[in-house]
Amino acid sequence: MDAAETVTEPEILAILEPMIKRYALERLPEEKFGDFTIRAGYISAVTSGKDWYVGMGGEGQWRENAVEA
């Protein structure tokens, strides 16, 4: 995604809704959302901020876009 691009509220909600639903259904006791996103494979665990996008994913069309980026 180009830095000049913007994401609309409906796009954000379409991306987050399935993630939050999975979190509600599949989270471990006391598991935080960020930890769940790593365990579920949405993002990779990183030790350096510059590596945040490595292994970034999503669901549906957004997974494909993230992998291509």
PDB file of N, CA and C in Angstrom:
ATOM      1  N   MET A   1       0.848  -1.180   0.000  1.00  0.00           N
ATOM      2  CA  MET A   1       0.000   0.000   0.000  1.00  0.00           C
ATOM      3  C   MET A   1       0.887   1.234   0.000  1.00  0.00           C
ATOM      4  N   ASP A   2       0.601   2.131  -0.885  1.00  0.00           N
ATOM      5  CA  ASP A   2       1.338   3.377  -0.970  1.00  0.00           C
ATOM      6  C   ASP A   2       1.033   4.239   0.249  1.00  0.00           C
ATOM      7  N   ALA A   3       2.024   4.981   0.737  1.00  0.00           N
ATOM      8  CA  ALA A   3       1.842   5.828   1.919  1.00  0.00           C
ATOM      9  C   ALA A   3       0.754   6.870   1.713  1.00  0.00           C
ATOM     10  N   ALA A   4       0.497   7.249   0.460  1.00  0.00           N
ATOM     11  CA  ALA A   4      -0.514   8.261   0.184  1.00  0.00           C
ATOM     12  C   ALA A   4      -1.926   7.675   0.172  1.00  0.00           C
ATOM     13  N   GLU A   5      -2.048   6.342   0.129  1.00  0.00           N
ATOM     14  CA  GLU A   5      -3.359   5.715   0.112  1.00  0.00           C
ATOM     15  C   GLU A   5      -3.996   5.787   1.485  1.00  0.00           C
ATOM     16  N   THR A   6      -5.306   5.776   1.488  1.00  0.00           N
ATOM     17  CA  THR A   6      -6.035   5.737   2.743  1.00  0.00           C
ATOM     18  C   THR A   6      -6.931   4.521   2.740  1.00  0.00           C
ATOM     19  N   VAL A   7      -7.256   4.074   3.926  1.00  0.00           N
ATOM     20  CA  VAL A   7      -8.152   2.946   4.089  1.00  0.00           C
ATOM     21  C   VAL A   7      -9.448   3.488   4.673  1.00  0.00           C
ATOM     22  N   THR A   8     -10.543   3.101   4.077  1.00  0.00           N
ATOM     23  CA  THR A   8     -11.830   3.604   4.542  1.00  0.00           C
ATOM     24  C   THR A   8     -12.306   2.824   5.764  1.00  0.00           C
ATOM     25  N   GLU A   9     -13.229   3.409   6.491  1.00  0.00           N
ATOM     26  CA  GLU A   9     -13.786   2.731   7.669  1.00  0.00           C
ATOM     27  C   GLU A   9     -14.408   1.388   7.300  1.00  0.00           C
ATOM     28  N   PRO A  10     -15.201   1.287   6.229  1.00  0.00           N
ATOM     29  CA  PRO A  10     -15.747  -0.027   5.861  1.00  0.00           C
ATOM     30  C   PRO A  10     -14.658  -1.064   5.561  1.00  0.00           C
ATOM     31  N   GLU A  11     -13.559  -0.623   4.945  1.00  0.00           N
ATOM     32  CA  GLU A  11     -12.453  -1.550   4.666  1.00  0.00           C
ATOM     33  C   GLU A  11     -11.809  -2.027   5.965  1.00  0.00           C
ATOM     34  N   ILE A  12     -11.620  -1.126   6.901  1.00  0.00           N
ATOM     35  CA  ILE A  12     -11.040  -1.489   8.198  1.00  0.00           C
ATOM     36  C   ILE A  12     -11.944  -2.489   8.908  1.00  0.00           C
ATOM     37  N   LEU A  13     -13.234  -2.210   8.919  1.00  0.00           N
ATOM     38  CA  LEU A  13     -14.174  -3.111   9.589  1.00  0.00           C
ATOM     39  C   LEU A  13     -14.224  -4.475   8.915  1.00  0.00           C
ATOM     40  N   ALA A  14     -14.137  -4.507   7.582  1.00  0.00           N
ATOM     41  CA  ALA A  14     -14.142  -5.776   6.853  1.00  0.00           C
ATOM     42  C   ALA A  14     -12.904  -6.609   7.172  1.00  0.00           C
ATOM     43  N   ILE A  15     -11.793  -5.960   7.440  1.00  0.00           N
ATOM     44  CA  ILE A  15     -10.558  -6.659   7.801  1.00  0.00           C
ATOM     45  C   ILE A  15     -10.612  -7.142   9.249  1.00  0.00           C
ATOM     46  N   LEU A  16     -11.068  -6.277  10.137  1.00  0.00           N
ATOM     47  CA  LEU A  16     -11.036  -6.600  11.567  1.00  0.00           C
ATOM     48  C   LEU A  16     -12.151  -7.540  12.023  1.00  0.00           C
ATOM     49  N   GLU A  17     -13.312  -7.483  11.396  1.00  0.00           N
ATOM     50  CA  GLU A  17     -14.442  -8.281  11.868  1.00  0.00           C
ATOM     51  C   GLU A  17     -14.137  -9.770  11.973  1.00  0.00           C
ATOM     52  N   PRO A  18     -13.591 -10.410  10.922  1.00  0.00           N
ATOM     53  CA  PRO A  18     -13.301 -11.841  11.067  1.00  0.00           C
ATOM     54  C   PRO A  18     -12.190 -12.112  12.085  1.00  0.00           C
ATOM     55  N   MET A  19     -11.247 -11.199  12.213  1.00  0.00           N
ATOM     56  CA  MET A  19     -10.173 -11.376  13.197  1.00  0.00           C
ATOM     57  C   MET A  19     -10.735 -11.340  14.618  1.00  0.00           C
ATOM     58  N   ILE A  20     -11.600 -10.374  14.882  1.00  0.00           N
ATOM     59  CA  ILE A  20     -12.173 -10.236  16.227  1.00  0.00           C
ATOM     60  C   ILE A  20     -13.098 -11.407  16.526  1.00  0.00           C
ATOM     61  N   LYS A  21     -13.826 -11.861  15.525  1.00  0.00           N
ATOM     62  CA  LYS A  21     -14.701 -13.017  15.721  1.00  0.00           C
ATOM     63  C   LYS A  21     -13.876 -14.255  16.081  1.00  0.00           C
ATOM     64  N   ARG A  22     -12.803 -14.490  15.341  1.00  0.00           N
ATOM     65  CA  ARG A  22     -11.928 -15.628  15.659  1.00  0.00           C
ATOM     66  C   ARG A  22     -11.331 -15.493  17.049  1.00  0.00           C
ATOM     67  N   TYR A  23     -10.920 -14.272  17.399  1.00  0.00           N
ATOM     68  CA  TYR A  23     -10.356 -14.026  18.733  1.00  0.00           C
ATOM     69  C   TYR A  23     -11.376 -14.393  19.801  1.00  0.00           C
ATOM     70  N   ALA A  24     -12.614 -13.983  19.621  1.00  0.00           N
ATOM     71  CA  ALA A  24     -13.662 -14.281  20.602  1.00  0.00           C
ATOM     72  C   ALA A  24     -13.900 -15.788  20.727  1.00  0.00           C
ATOM     73  N   LEU A  25     -13.814 -16.505  19.623  1.00  0.00           N
ATOM     74  CA  LEU A  25     -14.103 -17.935  19.622  1.00  0.00           C
ATOM     75  C   LEU A  25     -12.911 -18.819  19.969  1.00  0.00           C
ATOM     76  N   GLU A  26     -11.694 -18.366  19.642  1.00  0.00           N
ATOM     77  CA  GLU A  26     -10.528 -19.249  19.708  1.00  0.00           C
ATOM     78  C   GLU A  26      -9.451 -18.831  20.698  1.00  0.00           C
ATOM     79  N   ARG A  27      -9.620 -17.703  21.349  1.00  0.00           N
ATOM     80  CA  ARG A  27      -8.531 -17.231  22.217  1.00  0.00           C
ATOM     81  C   ARG A  27      -8.336 -18.155  23.404  1.00  0.00           C
ATOM     82  N   LEU A  28      -7.124 -18.175  23.877  1.00  0.00           N
ATOM     83  CA  LEU A  28      -6.779 -18.942  25.068  1.00  0.00           C
ATOM     84  C   LEU A  28      -7.142 -18.116  26.304  1.00  0.00           C
ATOM     85  N   PRO A  29      -7.326 -18.773  27.449  1.00  0.00           N
ATOM     86  CA  PRO A  29      -7.622 -18.005  28.660  1.00  0.00           C
ATOM     87  C   PRO A  29      -6.552 -16.935  28.906  1.00  0.00           C
ATOM     88  N   GLU A  30      -6.979 -15.725  29.169  1.00  0.00           N
ATOM     89  CA  GLU A  30      -6.105 -14.586  29.460  1.00  0.00           C
ATOM     90  C   GLU A  30      -5.255 -14.122  28.271  1.00  0.00           C
ATOM     91  N   GLU A  31      -5.481 -14.672  27.062  1.00  0.00           N
ATOM     92  CA  GLU A  31      -4.686 -14.282  25.896  1.00  0.00           C
ATOM     93  C   GLU A  31      -5.097 -12.896  25.400  1.00  0.00           C
ATOM     94  N   LYS A  32      -4.133 -12.038  25.214  1.00  0.00           N
ATOM     95  CA  LYS A  32      -4.359 -10.697  24.681  1.00  0.00           C
ATOM     96  C   LYS A  32      -4.517 -10.774  23.158  1.00  0.00           C
ATOM     97  N   PHE A  33      -5.194  -9.760  22.574  1.00  0.00           N
ATOM     98  CA  PHE A  33      -5.462  -9.760  21.138  1.00  0.00           C
ATOM     99  C   PHE A  33      -4.168  -9.809  20.320  1.00  0.00           C
ATOM    100  N   GLY A  34      -3.170  -9.037  20.717  1.00  0.00           N
ATOM    101  CA  GLY A  34      -1.901  -9.034  19.988  1.00  0.00           C
ATOM    102  C   GLY A  34      -1.231 -10.401  19.990  1.00  0.00           C
ATOM    103  N   ASP A  35      -1.268 -11.072  21.131  1.00  0.00           N
ATOM    104  CA  ASP A  35      -0.698 -12.418  21.208  1.00  0.00           C
ATOM    105  C   ASP A  35      -1.478 -13.389  20.326  1.00  0.00           C
ATOM    106  N   PHE A  36      -2.808 -13.229  20.305  1.00  0.00           N
ATOM    107  CA  PHE A  36      -3.632 -14.079  19.451  1.00  0.00           C
ATOM    108  C   PHE A  36      -3.288 -13.878  17.977  1.00  0.00           C
ATOM    109  N   THR A  37      -3.090 -12.628  17.549  1.00  0.00           N
ATOM    110  CA  THR A  37      -2.799 -12.376  16.133  1.00  0.00           C
ATOM    111  C   THR A  37      -1.496 -13.050  15.706  1.00  0.00           C
ATOM    112  N   ILE A  38      -0.556 -13.170  16.627  1.00  0.00           N
ATOM    113  CA  ILE A  38       0.691 -13.893  16.333  1.00  0.00           C
ATOM    114  C   ILE A  38       0.415 -15.386  16.272  1.00  0.00           C
ATOM    115  N   ARG A  39      -0.256 -15.917  17.280  1.00  0.00           N
ATOM    116  CA  ARG A  39      -0.538 -17.354  17.329  1.00  0.00           C
ATOM    117  C   ARG A  39      -1.389 -17.806  16.153  1.00  0.00           C
ATOM    118  N   ALA A  40      -2.349 -16.970  15.728  1.00  0.00           N
ATOM    119  CA  ALA A  40      -3.249 -17.318  14.623  1.00  0.00           C
ATOM    120  C   ALA A  40      -2.600 -17.113  13.255  1.00  0.00           C
ATOM    121  N   GLY A  41      -1.409 -16.521  13.219  1.00  0.00           N
ATOM    122  CA  GLY A  41      -0.691 -16.358  11.958  1.00  0.00           C
ATOM    123  C   GLY A  41      -1.002 -15.096  11.183  1.00  0.00           C
ATOM    124  N   TYR A  42      -1.691 -14.143  11.809  1.00  0.00           N
ATOM    125  CA  TYR A  42      -1.946 -12.877  11.123  1.00  0.00           C
ATOM    126  C   TYR A  42      -0.656 -12.075  10.966  1.00  0.00           C
ATOM    127  N   ILE A  43       0.189 -12.119  11.973  1.00  0.00           N
ATOM    128  CA  ILE A  43       1.500 -11.458  11.927  1.00  0.00           C
ATOM    129  C   ILE A  43       2.518 -12.384  12.567  1.00  0.00           C
ATOM    130  N   SER A  44       3.775 -12.139  12.299  1.00  0.00           N
ATOM    131  CA  SER A  44       4.857 -12.904  12.910  1.00  0.00           C
ATOM    132  C   SER A  44       5.351 -12.180  14.153  1.00  0.00           C
ATOM    133  N   ALA A  45       5.828 -12.962  15.099  1.00  0.00           N
ATOM    134  CA  ALA A  45       6.475 -12.353  16.261  1.00  0.00           C
ATOM    135  C   ALA A  45       7.771 -11.710  15.790  1.00  0.00           C
ATOM    136  N   VAL A  46       8.075 -10.526  16.286  1.00  0.00           N
ATOM    137  CA  VAL A  46       9.293  -9.828  15.879  1.00  0.00           C
ATOM    138  C   VAL A  46      10.035  -9.322  17.111  1.00  0.00           C
ATOM    139  N   THR A  47      11.331  -9.137  16.948  1.00  0.00           N
ATOM    140  CA  THR A  47      12.134  -8.566  18.030  1.00  0.00           C
ATOM    141  C   THR A  47      12.642  -7.178  17.659  1.00  0.00           C
ATOM    142  N   SER A  48      12.343  -6.752  16.416  1.00  0.00           N
ATOM    143  CA  SER A  48      12.757  -5.438  15.944  1.00  0.00           C
ATOM    144  C   SER A  48      11.598  -4.796  15.197  1.00  0.00           C
ATOM    145  N   GLY A  49      11.296  -3.545  15.519  1.00  0.00           N
ATOM    146  CA  GLY A  49      10.177  -2.859  14.895  1.00  0.00           C
ATOM    147  C   GLY A  49      10.242  -2.808  13.385  1.00  0.00           C
ATOM    148  N   LYS A  50      11.449  -2.742  12.827  1.00  0.00           N
ATOM    149  CA  LYS A  50      11.568  -2.654  11.370  1.00  0.00           C
ATOM    150  C   LYS A  50      11.138  -3.947  10.678  1.00  0.00           C
ATOM    151  N   ASP A  51      11.019  -5.045  11.429  1.00  0.00           N
ATOM    152  CA  ASP A  51      10.618  -6.328  10.863  1.00  0.00           C
ATOM    153  C   ASP A  51       9.119  -6.586  10.988  1.00  0.00           C
ATOM    154  N   TRP A  52       8.350  -5.592  11.408  1.00  0.00           N
ATOM    155  CA  TRP A  52       6.932  -5.794  11.692  1.00  0.00           C
ATOM    156  C   TRP A  52       6.168  -6.369  10.511  1.00  0.00           C
ATOM    157  N   TYR A  53       6.442  -5.933   9.284  1.00  0.00           N
ATOM    158  CA  TYR A  53       5.672  -6.391   8.131  1.00  0.00           C
ATOM    159  C   TYR A  53       6.055  -7.785   7.657  1.00  0.00           C
ATOM    160  N   VAL A  54       7.153  -8.322   8.126  1.00  0.00           N
ATOM    161  CA  VAL A  54       7.568  -9.660   7.720  1.00  0.00           C
ATOM    162  C   VAL A  54       6.539 -10.653   8.245  1.00  0.00           C
ATOM    163  N   GLY A  55       6.000 -11.456   7.389  1.00  0.00           N
ATOM    164  CA  GLY A  55       5.032 -12.463   7.798  1.00  0.00           C
ATOM    165  C   GLY A  55       3.642 -11.919   8.068  1.00  0.00           C
ATOM    166  N   MET A  56       3.375 -10.674   7.668  1.00  0.00           N
ATOM    167  CA  MET A  56       2.061 -10.086   7.893  1.00  0.00           C
ATOM    168  C   MET A  56       1.035 -10.799   7.033  1.00  0.00           C
ATOM    169  N   GLY A  57      -0.129 -11.028   7.565  1.00  0.00           N
ATOM    170  CA  GLY A  57      -1.175 -11.725   6.816  1.00  0.00           C
ATOM    171  C   GLY A  57      -2.534 -11.114   7.044  1.00  0.00           C
ATOM    172  N   GLY A  58      -3.528 -11.867   6.813  1.00  0.00           N
ATOM    173  CA  GLY A  58      -4.908 -11.441   6.977  1.00  0.00           C
ATOM    174  C   GLY A  58      -5.804 -12.578   6.554  1.00  0.00           C
ATOM    175  N   GLU A  59      -7.017 -12.255   6.179  1.00  0.00           N
ATOM    176  CA  GLU A  59      -7.944 -13.274   5.708  1.00  0.00           C
ATOM    177  C   GLU A  59      -8.495 -12.855   4.367  1.00  0.00           C
ATOM    178  N   GLY A  60      -8.882 -13.822   3.570  1.00  0.00           N
ATOM    179  CA  GLY A  60      -9.517 -13.542   2.289  1.00  0.00           C
ATOM    180  C   GLY A  60      -8.629 -12.709   1.381  1.00  0.00           C
ATOM    181  N   GLN A  61      -9.229 -11.718   0.713  1.00  0.00           N
ATOM    182  CA  GLN A  61      -8.487 -10.903  -0.240  1.00  0.00           C
ATOM    183  C   GLN A  61      -7.366 -10.123   0.425  1.00  0.00           C
ATOM    184  N   TRP A  62      -7.502  -9.819   1.721  1.00  0.00           N
ATOM    185  CA  TRP A  62      -6.463  -9.044   2.396  1.00  0.00           C
ATOM    186  C   TRP A  62      -5.224  -9.895   2.647  1.00  0.00           C
ATOM    187  N   ARG A  63      -5.360 -11.187   2.812  1.00  0.00           N
ATOM    188  CA  ARG A  63      -4.196 -12.061   2.965  1.00  0.00           C
ATOM    189  C   ARG A  63      -3.385 -12.031   1.684  1.00  0.00           C
ATOM    190  N   GLU A  64      -4.052 -12.129   0.555  1.00  0.00           N
ATOM    191  CA  GLU A  64      -3.359 -12.099  -0.723  1.00  0.00           C
ATOM    192  C   GLU A  64      -2.658 -10.775  -0.934  1.00  0.00           C
ATOM    193  N   ASN A  65      -3.313  -9.670  -0.591  1.00  0.00           N
ATOM    194  CA  ASN A  65      -2.688  -8.351  -0.744  1.00  0.00           C
ATOM    195  C   ASN A  65      -1.484  -8.208   0.162  1.00  0.00           C
ATOM    196  N   ALA A  66      -1.569  -8.689   1.381  1.00  0.00           N
ATOM    197  CA  ALA A  66      -0.468  -8.570   2.321  1.00  0.00           C
ATOM    198  C   ALA A  66       0.719  -9.402   1.851  1.00  0.00           C
ATOM    199  N   VAL A  67       0.462 -10.578   1.305  1.00  0.00           N
ATOM    200  CA  VAL A  67       1.539 -11.444   0.844  1.00  0.00           C
ATOM    201  C   VAL A  67       2.232 -10.841  -0.360  1.00  0.00           C
ATOM    202  N   GLU A  68       1.480 -10.164  -1.227  1.00  0.00           N
ATOM    203  CA  GLU A  68       2.054  -9.554  -2.428  1.00  0.00           C
ATOM    204  C   GLU A  68       2.849  -8.294  -2.104  1.00  0.00           C
ATOM    205  N   ALA A  69       2.524  -7.631  -0.993  1.00  0.00           N
ATOM    206  CA  ALA A  69       3.170  -6.349  -0.665  1.00  0.00           C
ATOM    207  C   ALA A  69       4.623  -6.523  -0.340  1.00  0.00           C
TER     208      ALA A  69
END
